[in-house]
Amino acid sequence: MRLTTKGRFAVTAMIDLALHSTEGPVTLADISERQKISLSYLEQLFGKLRRNKLVGSVRGPGGGYCLTKSMSEVSVVDIILAVDEPIDATQCGGKENCHNDQRCMTHDLWANLNARIRDYLALVTLEQLVVSPKVKDIAVLQDMRACKQPQEAALV
């Protein structure tokens, strides 16, 4: 099974949003700067997250994005599926046509793996990730780097 950049970036951006949401709506530009994810890519991801009602947008000065549910109600699987990321280790996408249009010998193995991965990711909430000491430490470092960058640019 392969989790693509889309799923990884969506989860990372949602953690960043959750960590900074106490300050009000969070801009995609701020997430982009802290996480080094392209702004245009974040716009695509957040469009999907908004359509799936995981985030809401606030327009105007001081606007940005905010969570529409509590962190404890949002699982990693919710985020990944919201951005159209398949959780599938089968070669056939679950269609059972992977070996000359027939089911392959290992189909059940990969289908069961899919179910276990999905079940695990459904148990992991955004809240659990946000309260992790390791995640908090990394977020503090990212915030410090983001604050230093404008000052460093002014010195050049």
N, C-alpha and C. Protein backbone atom coordinates (compact mmCIF):
# COMPACT_ATOMS: atom_id res chain seq x y z
N MET A 1 0.83 -1.18 0.00
CA MET A 1 0.00 0.00 0.00
C MET A 1 0.87 1.24 0.00
N ARG A 2 0.40 2.23 -0.71
CA ARG A 2 1.17 3.45 -0.82
C ARG A 2 0.26 4.62 -0.49
N LEU A 3 0.66 5.40 0.47
CA LEU A 3 -0.05 6.63 0.77
C LEU A 3 0.66 7.74 0.02
N THR A 4 -0.04 8.42 -0.85
CA THR A 4 0.59 9.44 -1.69
C THR A 4 0.77 10.75 -0.93
N THR A 5 1.42 11.67 -1.60
CA THR A 5 1.66 13.00 -1.05
C THR A 5 0.35 13.67 -0.66
N LYS A 6 -0.68 13.45 -1.45
CA LYS A 6 -1.97 14.08 -1.18
C LYS A 6 -2.48 13.75 0.23
N GLY A 7 -2.46 12.48 0.58
CA GLY A 7 -2.91 12.07 1.90
C GLY A 7 -2.00 12.57 3.02
N ARG A 8 -0.71 12.45 2.80
CA ARG A 8 0.26 12.91 3.81
C ARG A 8 0.13 14.42 4.04
N PHE A 9 0.07 15.18 2.97
CA PHE A 9 -0.04 16.63 3.10
C PHE A 9 -1.36 17.04 3.74
N ALA A 10 -2.44 16.34 3.41
CA ALA A 10 -3.74 16.67 4.00
C ALA A 10 -3.72 16.47 5.51
N VAL A 11 -3.15 15.36 5.96
CA VAL A 11 -3.07 15.09 7.40
C VAL A 11 -2.16 16.12 8.07
N THR A 12 -1.02 16.41 7.46
CA THR A 12 -0.10 17.40 8.02
C THR A 12 -0.76 18.77 8.12
N ALA A 13 -1.44 19.19 7.07
CA ALA A 13 -2.10 20.50 7.07
C ALA A 13 -3.21 20.56 8.11
N MET A 14 -3.93 19.47 8.30
CA MET A 14 -5.00 19.46 9.30
C MET A 14 -4.42 19.52 10.72
N ILE A 15 -3.29 18.87 10.95
CA ILE A 15 -2.64 18.97 12.26
C ILE A 15 -2.21 20.41 12.50
N ASP A 16 -1.61 21.02 11.50
CA ASP A 16 -1.18 22.42 11.62
C ASP A 16 -2.38 23.31 11.91
N LEU A 17 -3.45 23.13 11.17
CA LEU A 17 -4.67 23.92 11.38
C LEU A 17 -5.18 23.74 12.81
N ALA A 18 -5.24 22.50 13.26
CA ALA A 18 -5.73 22.23 14.61
C ALA A 18 -4.84 22.86 15.68
N LEU A 19 -3.53 22.78 15.48
CA LEU A 19 -2.59 23.36 16.45
C LEU A 19 -2.73 24.88 16.55
N HIS A 20 -3.05 25.53 15.44
CA HIS A 20 -3.10 26.99 15.42
C HIS A 20 -4.51 27.56 15.45
N SER A 21 -5.52 26.72 15.54
CA SER A 21 -6.91 27.19 15.48
C SER A 21 -7.36 27.93 16.72
N THR A 22 -6.62 27.83 17.82
CA THR A 22 -7.00 28.57 19.02
C THR A 22 -6.82 30.07 18.83
N GLU A 23 -6.02 30.44 17.83
CA GLU A 23 -5.76 31.85 17.53
C GLU A 23 -6.77 32.42 16.55
N GLY A 24 -7.75 31.62 16.14
CA GLY A 24 -8.73 32.06 15.16
C GLY A 24 -8.48 31.36 13.83
N PRO A 25 -9.16 31.82 12.76
CA PRO A 25 -8.97 31.19 11.46
C PRO A 25 -7.50 31.21 11.04
N VAL A 26 -7.07 30.15 10.38
CA VAL A 26 -5.69 29.99 9.97
C VAL A 26 -5.62 30.11 8.45
N THR A 27 -4.69 30.92 7.96
CA THR A 27 -4.58 31.09 6.52
C THR A 27 -3.77 29.95 5.91
N LEU A 28 -4.09 29.65 4.66
CA LEU A 28 -3.33 28.63 3.94
C LEU A 28 -1.90 29.10 3.71
N ALA A 29 -1.71 30.40 3.59
CA ALA A 29 -0.35 30.93 3.42
C ALA A 29 0.51 30.60 4.64
N ASP A 30 -0.09 30.71 5.84
CA ASP A 30 0.66 30.37 7.06
C ASP A 30 0.98 28.88 7.12
N ILE A 31 0.01 28.05 6.77
CA ILE A 31 0.25 26.60 6.75
C ILE A 31 1.32 26.28 5.72
N SER A 32 1.22 26.90 4.56
CA SER A 32 2.19 26.70 3.49
C SER A 32 3.60 27.04 3.94
N GLU A 33 3.74 28.15 4.64
CA GLU A 33 5.05 28.59 5.11
C GLU A 33 5.62 27.63 6.15
N ARG A 34 4.78 27.24 7.10
CA ARG A 34 5.27 26.35 8.17
C ARG A 34 5.57 24.95 7.67
N GLN A 35 4.71 24.43 6.79
CA GLN A 35 4.83 23.03 6.38
C GLN A 35 5.55 22.83 5.05
N LYS A 36 5.89 23.94 4.39
CA LYS A 36 6.59 23.87 3.10
C LYS A 36 5.77 23.07 2.08
N ILE A 37 4.47 23.37 2.04
CA ILE A 37 3.56 22.76 1.07
C ILE A 37 3.10 23.89 0.15
N SER A 38 3.09 23.65 -1.12
CA SER A 38 2.68 24.66 -2.09
C SER A 38 1.30 25.21 -1.76
N LEU A 39 1.17 26.53 -1.86
CA LEU A 39 -0.11 27.18 -1.57
C LEU A 39 -1.20 26.69 -2.52
N SER A 40 -0.88 26.55 -3.79
CA SER A 40 -1.89 26.09 -4.75
C SER A 40 -2.33 24.65 -4.45
N TYR A 41 -1.40 23.83 -3.97
CA TYR A 41 -1.74 22.47 -3.60
C TYR A 41 -2.65 22.46 -2.37
N LEU A 42 -2.33 23.31 -1.40
CA LEU A 42 -3.18 23.42 -0.21
C LEU A 42 -4.58 23.89 -0.58
N GLU A 43 -4.69 24.81 -1.53
CA GLU A 43 -6.00 25.29 -1.96
C GLU A 43 -6.84 24.14 -2.51
N GLN A 44 -6.21 23.27 -3.29
CA GLN A 44 -6.92 22.10 -3.82
C GLN A 44 -7.37 21.18 -2.69
N LEU A 45 -6.44 20.89 -1.77
CA LEU A 45 -6.77 20.00 -0.65
C LEU A 45 -7.88 20.56 0.22
N PHE A 46 -7.77 21.87 0.55
CA PHE A 46 -8.77 22.46 1.44
C PHE A 46 -10.13 22.61 0.76
N GLY A 47 -10.15 22.71 -0.56
CA GLY A 47 -11.43 22.68 -1.26
C GLY A 47 -12.14 21.36 -1.00
N LYS A 48 -11.40 20.27 -1.08
CA LYS A 48 -11.97 18.94 -0.82
C LYS A 48 -12.32 18.77 0.66
N LEU A 49 -11.47 19.24 1.54
CA LEU A 49 -11.75 19.14 2.97
C LEU A 49 -13.00 19.95 3.34
N ARG A 50 -13.17 21.11 2.68
CA ARG A 50 -14.35 21.95 2.94
C ARG A 50 -15.61 21.26 2.40
N ARG A 51 -15.54 20.71 1.18
CA ARG A 51 -16.70 20.01 0.61
C ARG A 51 -17.11 18.82 1.46
N ASN A 52 -16.14 18.22 2.14
CA ASN A 52 -16.44 17.09 3.03
C ASN A 52 -16.70 17.52 4.47
N LYS A 53 -16.87 18.82 4.65
CA LYS A 53 -17.29 19.41 5.93
C LYS A 53 -16.32 19.15 7.08
N LEU A 54 -15.03 19.04 6.78
CA LEU A 54 -14.03 18.92 7.84
C LEU A 54 -13.48 20.28 8.24
N VAL A 55 -13.52 21.22 7.30
CA VAL A 55 -13.09 22.59 7.59
C VAL A 55 -14.12 23.56 7.03
N GLY A 56 -14.10 24.76 7.57
CA GLY A 56 -14.93 25.85 7.07
C GLY A 56 -14.03 27.03 6.78
N SER A 57 -14.50 27.90 5.92
CA SER A 57 -13.68 29.07 5.58
C SER A 57 -14.35 30.34 6.09
N VAL A 58 -13.50 31.29 6.45
CA VAL A 58 -13.95 32.61 6.91
C VAL A 58 -13.33 33.61 5.95
N ARG A 59 -14.15 34.42 5.31
CA ARG A 59 -13.66 35.39 4.33
C ARG A 59 -13.28 36.71 4.99
N GLY A 60 -12.50 37.48 4.25
CA GLY A 60 -12.18 38.84 4.67
C GLY A 60 -10.95 38.92 5.53
N PRO A 61 -10.66 40.16 5.99
CA PRO A 61 -9.48 40.35 6.85
C PRO A 61 -9.60 39.48 8.10
N GLY A 62 -8.52 38.84 8.45
CA GLY A 62 -8.56 37.93 9.60
C GLY A 62 -9.19 36.60 9.26
N GLY A 63 -9.46 36.37 7.98
CA GLY A 63 -10.10 35.13 7.55
C GLY A 63 -9.11 34.00 7.42
N GLY A 64 -9.62 32.87 7.05
CA GLY A 64 -8.81 31.68 6.89
C GLY A 64 -9.69 30.46 7.04
N TYR A 65 -9.13 29.40 7.53
CA TYR A 65 -9.87 28.15 7.71
C TYR A 65 -9.92 27.77 9.18
N CYS A 66 -10.99 27.06 9.52
CA CYS A 66 -11.14 26.55 10.88
C CYS A 66 -11.77 25.16 10.79
N LEU A 67 -11.61 24.40 11.84
CA LEU A 67 -12.23 23.07 11.91
C LEU A 67 -13.73 23.23 12.09
N THR A 68 -14.50 22.34 11.49
CA THR A 68 -15.95 22.39 11.66
C THR A 68 -16.43 21.37 12.70
N LYS A 69 -15.54 20.51 13.13
CA LYS A 69 -15.85 19.51 14.15
C LYS A 69 -14.76 19.57 15.20
N SER A 70 -15.05 19.00 16.35
CA SER A 70 -14.00 18.95 17.37
C SER A 70 -12.91 18.00 16.90
N MET A 71 -11.70 18.21 17.37
CA MET A 71 -10.57 17.38 16.97
C MET A 71 -10.79 15.91 17.30
N SER A 72 -11.56 15.65 18.34
CA SER A 72 -11.81 14.26 18.73
C SER A 72 -12.78 13.56 17.78
N GLU A 73 -13.48 14.34 16.96
CA GLU A 73 -14.44 13.76 16.01
C GLU A 73 -13.86 13.55 14.62
N VAL A 74 -12.63 13.98 14.40
CA VAL A 74 -12.01 13.87 13.08
C VAL A 74 -10.91 12.82 13.14
N SER A 75 -11.08 11.76 12.36
CA SER A 75 -10.06 10.71 12.32
C SER A 75 -9.16 10.90 11.11
N VAL A 76 -8.02 10.25 11.15
CA VAL A 76 -7.09 10.31 10.03
C VAL A 76 -7.75 9.73 8.78
N VAL A 77 -8.53 8.68 8.93
CA VAL A 77 -9.19 8.10 7.76
C VAL A 77 -10.18 9.10 7.16
N ASP A 78 -10.85 9.91 7.99
CA ASP A 78 -11.76 10.94 7.47
C ASP A 78 -11.00 11.91 6.56
N ILE A 79 -9.83 12.31 7.01
CA ILE A 79 -9.03 13.29 6.25
C ILE A 79 -8.56 12.68 4.94
N ILE A 80 -8.03 11.48 5.01
CA ILE A 80 -7.49 10.83 3.81
C ILE A 80 -8.59 10.58 2.78
N LEU A 81 -9.71 10.10 3.22
CA LEU A 81 -10.82 9.83 2.29
C LEU A 81 -11.41 11.13 1.74
N ALA A 82 -11.39 12.20 2.53
CA ALA A 82 -11.93 13.49 2.07
C ALA A 82 -11.17 14.04 0.88
N VAL A 83 -9.88 13.74 0.80
CA VAL A 83 -9.08 14.25 -0.33
C VAL A 83 -8.94 13.20 -1.44
N ASP A 84 -9.85 12.24 -1.42
CA ASP A 84 -9.92 11.21 -2.47
C ASP A 84 -8.69 10.32 -2.53
N GLU A 85 -8.11 10.08 -1.39
CA GLU A 85 -6.95 9.21 -1.32
C GLU A 85 -7.43 7.79 -1.06
N PRO A 86 -7.18 6.87 -1.99
CA PRO A 86 -7.63 5.49 -1.73
C PRO A 86 -6.74 4.80 -0.70
N ILE A 87 -7.36 4.00 0.13
CA ILE A 87 -6.62 3.17 1.07
C ILE A 87 -6.77 1.76 0.51
N ASP A 88 -5.86 1.40 -0.37
CA ASP A 88 -6.02 0.15 -1.10
C ASP A 88 -4.68 -0.45 -1.47
N ALA A 89 -4.41 -1.63 -0.96
CA ALA A 89 -3.18 -2.34 -1.27
C ALA A 89 -3.39 -3.35 -2.39
N THR A 90 -4.63 -3.54 -2.83
CA THR A 90 -4.86 -4.50 -3.91
C THR A 90 -4.38 -3.91 -5.23
N GLN A 91 -4.02 -4.78 -6.12
CA GLN A 91 -3.57 -4.35 -7.44
C GLN A 91 -4.76 -3.93 -8.32
N CYS A 92 -5.94 -4.42 -7.98
CA CYS A 92 -7.11 -4.22 -8.83
C CYS A 92 -8.05 -3.14 -8.33
N GLY A 93 -7.69 -2.47 -7.23
CA GLY A 93 -8.60 -1.46 -6.68
C GLY A 93 -9.86 -2.08 -6.09
N GLY A 94 -9.77 -3.35 -5.69
CA GLY A 94 -10.91 -4.04 -5.08
C GLY A 94 -11.88 -4.63 -6.08
N LYS A 95 -11.58 -4.54 -7.35
CA LYS A 95 -12.50 -5.03 -8.40
C LYS A 95 -12.38 -6.53 -8.67
N GLU A 96 -11.36 -7.15 -8.08
CA GLU A 96 -11.13 -8.58 -8.23
C GLU A 96 -10.87 -9.00 -9.67
N ASN A 97 -10.19 -8.11 -10.43
CA ASN A 97 -9.87 -8.43 -11.82
C ASN A 97 -8.37 -8.28 -12.09
N CYS A 98 -7.56 -8.57 -11.08
CA CYS A 98 -6.14 -8.26 -11.16
C CYS A 98 -5.30 -9.32 -11.88
N HIS A 99 -5.84 -10.47 -12.15
CA HIS A 99 -5.08 -11.53 -12.82
C HIS A 99 -5.88 -12.02 -14.03
N ASN A 100 -5.57 -11.47 -15.19
CA ASN A 100 -6.30 -11.82 -16.42
C ASN A 100 -7.81 -11.68 -16.24
N ASP A 101 -8.21 -10.54 -15.70
CA ASP A 101 -9.62 -10.24 -15.42
C ASP A 101 -10.27 -11.18 -14.40
N GLN A 102 -9.45 -11.85 -13.63
CA GLN A 102 -9.94 -12.73 -12.58
C GLN A 102 -9.31 -12.31 -11.26
N ARG A 103 -9.84 -12.81 -10.21
CA ARG A 103 -9.31 -12.56 -8.87
C ARG A 103 -7.95 -13.26 -8.73
N CYS A 104 -6.97 -12.55 -8.16
CA CYS A 104 -5.65 -13.16 -7.96
C CYS A 104 -5.62 -13.96 -6.66
N MET A 105 -4.58 -14.76 -6.50
CA MET A 105 -4.46 -15.62 -5.31
C MET A 105 -4.28 -14.83 -4.03
N THR A 106 -3.73 -13.63 -4.12
CA THR A 106 -3.44 -12.86 -2.91
C THR A 106 -4.47 -11.76 -2.64
N HIS A 107 -5.57 -11.77 -3.36
CA HIS A 107 -6.57 -10.70 -3.22
C HIS A 107 -7.04 -10.56 -1.76
N ASP A 108 -7.39 -11.65 -1.12
CA ASP A 108 -7.88 -11.58 0.26
C ASP A 108 -6.83 -11.04 1.22
N LEU A 109 -5.58 -11.40 1.00
CA LEU A 109 -4.50 -10.89 1.83
C LEU A 109 -4.49 -9.36 1.79
N TRP A 110 -4.48 -8.80 0.59
CA TRP A 110 -4.40 -7.34 0.44
C TRP A 110 -5.71 -6.66 0.86
N ALA A 111 -6.83 -7.28 0.61
CA ALA A 111 -8.11 -6.71 1.03
C ALA A 111 -8.21 -6.67 2.55
N ASN A 112 -7.71 -7.72 3.22
CA ASN A 112 -7.70 -7.73 4.69
C ASN A 112 -6.75 -6.68 5.24
N LEU A 113 -5.61 -6.49 4.58
CA LEU A 113 -4.69 -5.43 4.98
C LEU A 113 -5.37 -4.07 4.86
N ASN A 114 -6.08 -3.85 3.77
CA ASN A 114 -6.83 -2.60 3.60
C ASN A 114 -7.76 -2.35 4.78
N ALA A 115 -8.49 -3.38 5.17
CA ALA A 115 -9.44 -3.24 6.27
C ALA A 115 -8.72 -2.91 7.58
N ARG A 116 -7.59 -3.54 7.82
CA ARG A 116 -6.83 -3.26 9.05
C ARG A 116 -6.27 -1.84 9.07
N ILE A 117 -5.75 -1.42 7.93
CA ILE A 117 -5.21 -0.06 7.84
C ILE A 117 -6.33 0.95 8.06
N ARG A 118 -7.45 0.74 7.38
CA ARG A 118 -8.59 1.65 7.53
C ARG A 118 -9.06 1.68 8.98
N ASP A 119 -9.18 0.52 9.61
CA ASP A 119 -9.62 0.45 11.01
C ASP A 119 -8.65 1.21 11.92
N TYR A 120 -7.35 1.02 11.70
CA TYR A 120 -6.36 1.72 12.52
C TYR A 120 -6.46 3.23 12.34
N LEU A 121 -6.51 3.68 11.09
CA LEU A 121 -6.58 5.12 10.82
C LEU A 121 -7.89 5.73 11.31
N ALA A 122 -8.93 4.92 11.40
CA ALA A 122 -10.21 5.40 11.94
C ALA A 122 -10.12 5.61 13.45
N LEU A 123 -9.22 4.90 14.10
CA LEU A 123 -9.06 5.02 15.55
C LEU A 123 -8.19 6.21 15.95
N VAL A 124 -7.35 6.68 15.04
CA VAL A 124 -6.44 7.78 15.34
C VAL A 124 -7.15 9.10 15.03
N THR A 125 -7.32 9.91 16.07
CA THR A 125 -8.02 11.19 15.88
C THR A 125 -7.02 12.34 15.75
N LEU A 126 -7.52 13.41 15.19
CA LEU A 126 -6.72 14.62 15.08
C LEU A 126 -6.29 15.08 16.47
N GLU A 127 -7.16 14.95 17.44
CA GLU A 127 -6.84 15.33 18.81
C GLU A 127 -5.64 14.55 19.34
N GLN A 128 -5.61 13.24 19.09
CA GLN A 128 -4.49 12.42 19.56
C GLN A 128 -3.18 12.89 18.95
N LEU A 129 -3.21 13.27 17.69
CA LEU A 129 -2.00 13.73 17.04
C LEU A 129 -1.56 15.08 17.58
N VAL A 130 -2.52 15.97 17.80
CA VAL A 130 -2.22 17.33 18.26
C VAL A 130 -1.65 17.34 19.67
N VAL A 131 -2.10 16.46 20.53
CA VAL A 131 -1.62 16.46 21.92
C VAL A 131 -0.32 15.67 22.09
N SER A 132 0.13 15.02 21.05
CA SER A 132 1.39 14.28 21.13
C SER A 132 2.55 15.22 21.44
N PRO A 133 3.34 14.92 22.47
CA PRO A 133 4.48 15.79 22.79
C PRO A 133 5.45 15.97 21.62
N LYS A 134 5.67 14.93 20.85
CA LYS A 134 6.58 15.03 19.71
C LYS A 134 6.02 16.01 18.67
N VAL A 135 4.73 15.92 18.40
CA VAL A 135 4.11 16.83 17.43
C VAL A 135 4.19 18.27 17.94
N LYS A 136 3.92 18.46 19.22
CA LYS A 136 4.00 19.81 19.79
C LYS A 136 5.41 20.38 19.69
N ASP A 137 6.42 19.56 19.97
CA ASP A 137 7.81 20.02 19.87
C ASP A 137 8.15 20.44 18.44
N ILE A 138 7.74 19.65 17.49
CA ILE A 138 8.00 19.97 16.08
C ILE A 138 7.28 21.25 15.69
N ALA A 139 6.05 21.41 16.14
CA ALA A 139 5.27 22.62 15.83
C ALA A 139 5.94 23.87 16.38
N VAL A 140 6.48 23.79 17.58
CA VAL A 140 7.18 24.94 18.17
C VAL A 140 8.38 25.31 17.32
N LEU A 141 9.15 24.31 16.87
CA LEU A 141 10.30 24.59 16.02
C LEU A 141 9.88 25.21 14.69
N GLN A 142 8.79 24.72 14.11
CA GLN A 142 8.30 25.27 12.85
C GLN A 142 7.85 26.71 13.02
N ASP A 143 7.18 26.98 14.13
CA ASP A 143 6.74 28.35 14.40
C ASP A 143 7.93 29.28 14.56
N MET A 144 8.97 28.81 15.24
CA MET A 144 10.17 29.63 15.43
C MET A 144 10.84 29.90 14.08
N ARG A 145 10.92 28.89 13.24
CA ARG A 145 11.53 29.07 11.91
C ARG A 145 10.72 30.04 11.07
N ALA A 146 9.40 29.93 11.14
CA ALA A 146 8.53 30.81 10.36
C ALA A 146 8.68 32.27 10.81
N CYS A 147 8.87 32.47 12.11
CA CYS A 147 9.05 33.84 12.63
C CYS A 147 10.41 34.40 12.24
N LYS A 148 11.42 33.56 12.14
CA LYS A 148 12.77 34.04 11.81
C LYS A 148 12.92 34.37 10.33
N GLN A 149 12.21 33.68 9.46
CA GLN A 149 12.40 33.88 8.02
C GLN A 149 12.19 35.30 7.54
N PRO A 150 11.13 35.99 7.93
CA PRO A 150 11.00 37.38 7.48
C PRO A 150 12.13 38.26 7.96
N GLN A 151 12.63 38.03 9.19
CA GLN A 151 13.73 38.82 9.73
C GLN A 151 15.00 38.54 8.94
N GLU A 152 15.25 37.28 8.61
CA GLU A 152 16.45 36.93 7.85
C GLU A 152 16.41 37.55 6.46
N ALA A 153 15.24 37.57 5.83
CA ALA A 153 15.09 38.15 4.50
C ALA A 153 15.37 39.64 4.54
N ALA A 154 15.01 40.30 5.62
CA ALA A 154 15.23 41.74 5.75
C ALA A 154 16.72 42.06 5.90
N LEU A 155 17.48 41.12 6.46
CA LEU A 155 18.90 41.33 6.66
C LEU A 155 19.72 41.17 5.38
N VAL A 156 19.16 40.46 4.41
CA VAL A 156 19.90 40.19 3.17
C VAL A 156 19.92 41.36 2.24
